[in-house]
Amino acid sequence: MMKMIKGGFNERMWQHDRGAYSDEEIEIWNARLKQLSQKHPWLQDFIWKINPKQKPHLVHFT
């Protein structure tokens, strides 16, 4: 069972669940959203800016 943090992760939701969409799907939808945003600028908010996956690193708290 997944715990939800208020205002956080939403399963199978665009721009939330990276595991639900392949790179190709994201590229296709982003291209379409960029095209549509020329006439409808508010659609720019839905273009998914994917950050490259980072390797986990150990963090020490004091």
Protein backbone atom coordinates (compact mmCIF):
# COMPACT_ATOMS: atom_id res chain seq x y z
CA MET A 1 0.00 0.00 0.00
CA MET A 2 1.31 3.45 -0.89
CA LYS A 3 1.14 6.24 1.63
CA MET A 4 0.03 9.58 0.25
CA ILE A 5 1.45 12.86 1.41
CA LYS A 6 -1.01 15.73 1.26
CA GLY A 7 -0.41 17.61 -1.99
CA GLY A 8 2.07 14.97 -3.18
CA PHE A 9 2.03 11.91 -5.37
CA ASN A 10 -1.07 10.98 -7.39
CA GLU A 11 -0.94 7.52 -8.98
CA ARG A 12 -1.39 7.38 -12.80
CA MET A 13 -1.64 11.19 -12.95
CA TRP A 14 0.19 13.21 -15.63
CA GLN A 15 3.26 14.98 -14.20
CA HIS A 16 3.06 12.94 -10.97
CA ASP A 17 3.54 9.24 -11.70
CA ARG A 18 6.72 8.89 -13.77
CA GLY A 19 6.43 5.10 -13.77
CA ALA A 20 3.04 5.16 -15.49
CA TYR A 21 4.33 6.68 -18.74
CA SER A 22 7.14 5.63 -21.07
CA ASP A 23 9.67 8.14 -22.38
CA GLU A 24 8.07 7.84 -25.82
CA GLU A 25 4.59 8.61 -24.49
CA ILE A 26 5.87 11.67 -22.66
CA GLU A 27 7.72 12.91 -25.76
CA ILE A 28 4.61 12.47 -27.94
CA TRP A 29 2.30 14.26 -25.50
CA ASN A 30 4.83 17.05 -24.87
CA ALA A 31 5.20 17.64 -28.63
CA ARG A 32 1.43 17.84 -29.02
CA LEU A 33 1.06 20.15 -26.03
CA LYS A 34 3.79 22.45 -27.40
CA GLN A 35 1.95 22.61 -30.71
CA LEU A 36 -1.41 23.34 -29.09
CA SER A 37 0.06 25.90 -26.69
CA GLN A 38 0.78 28.22 -29.61
CA LYS A 39 -2.96 28.96 -29.73
CA HIS A 40 -3.72 28.12 -26.11
CA PRO A 41 -0.82 29.36 -23.92
CA TRP A 42 -2.31 27.87 -20.73
CA LEU A 43 -1.41 24.40 -22.04
CA GLN A 44 2.28 25.15 -21.45
CA ASP A 45 1.65 24.32 -17.80
CA PHE A 46 1.03 20.70 -18.80
CA ILE A 47 4.32 20.16 -20.64
CA TRP A 48 6.23 17.66 -18.53
CA LYS A 49 9.82 18.72 -17.85
CA ILE A 50 11.55 15.43 -17.09
CA ASN A 51 14.71 15.61 -15.02
CA PRO A 52 17.29 12.90 -15.69
CA LYS A 53 17.20 10.14 -13.11
CA GLN A 54 19.83 10.64 -10.45
CA LYS A 55 21.64 7.95 -8.57
CA PRO A 56 20.62 7.76 -4.93
CA HIS A 57 23.15 9.14 -2.50
CA LEU A 58 23.55 8.85 1.23
CA VAL A 59 22.59 11.90 3.25
CA HIS A 60 23.77 12.36 6.84
CA PHE A 61 21.62 14.36 9.21
CA THR A 62 23.14 15.77 12.37
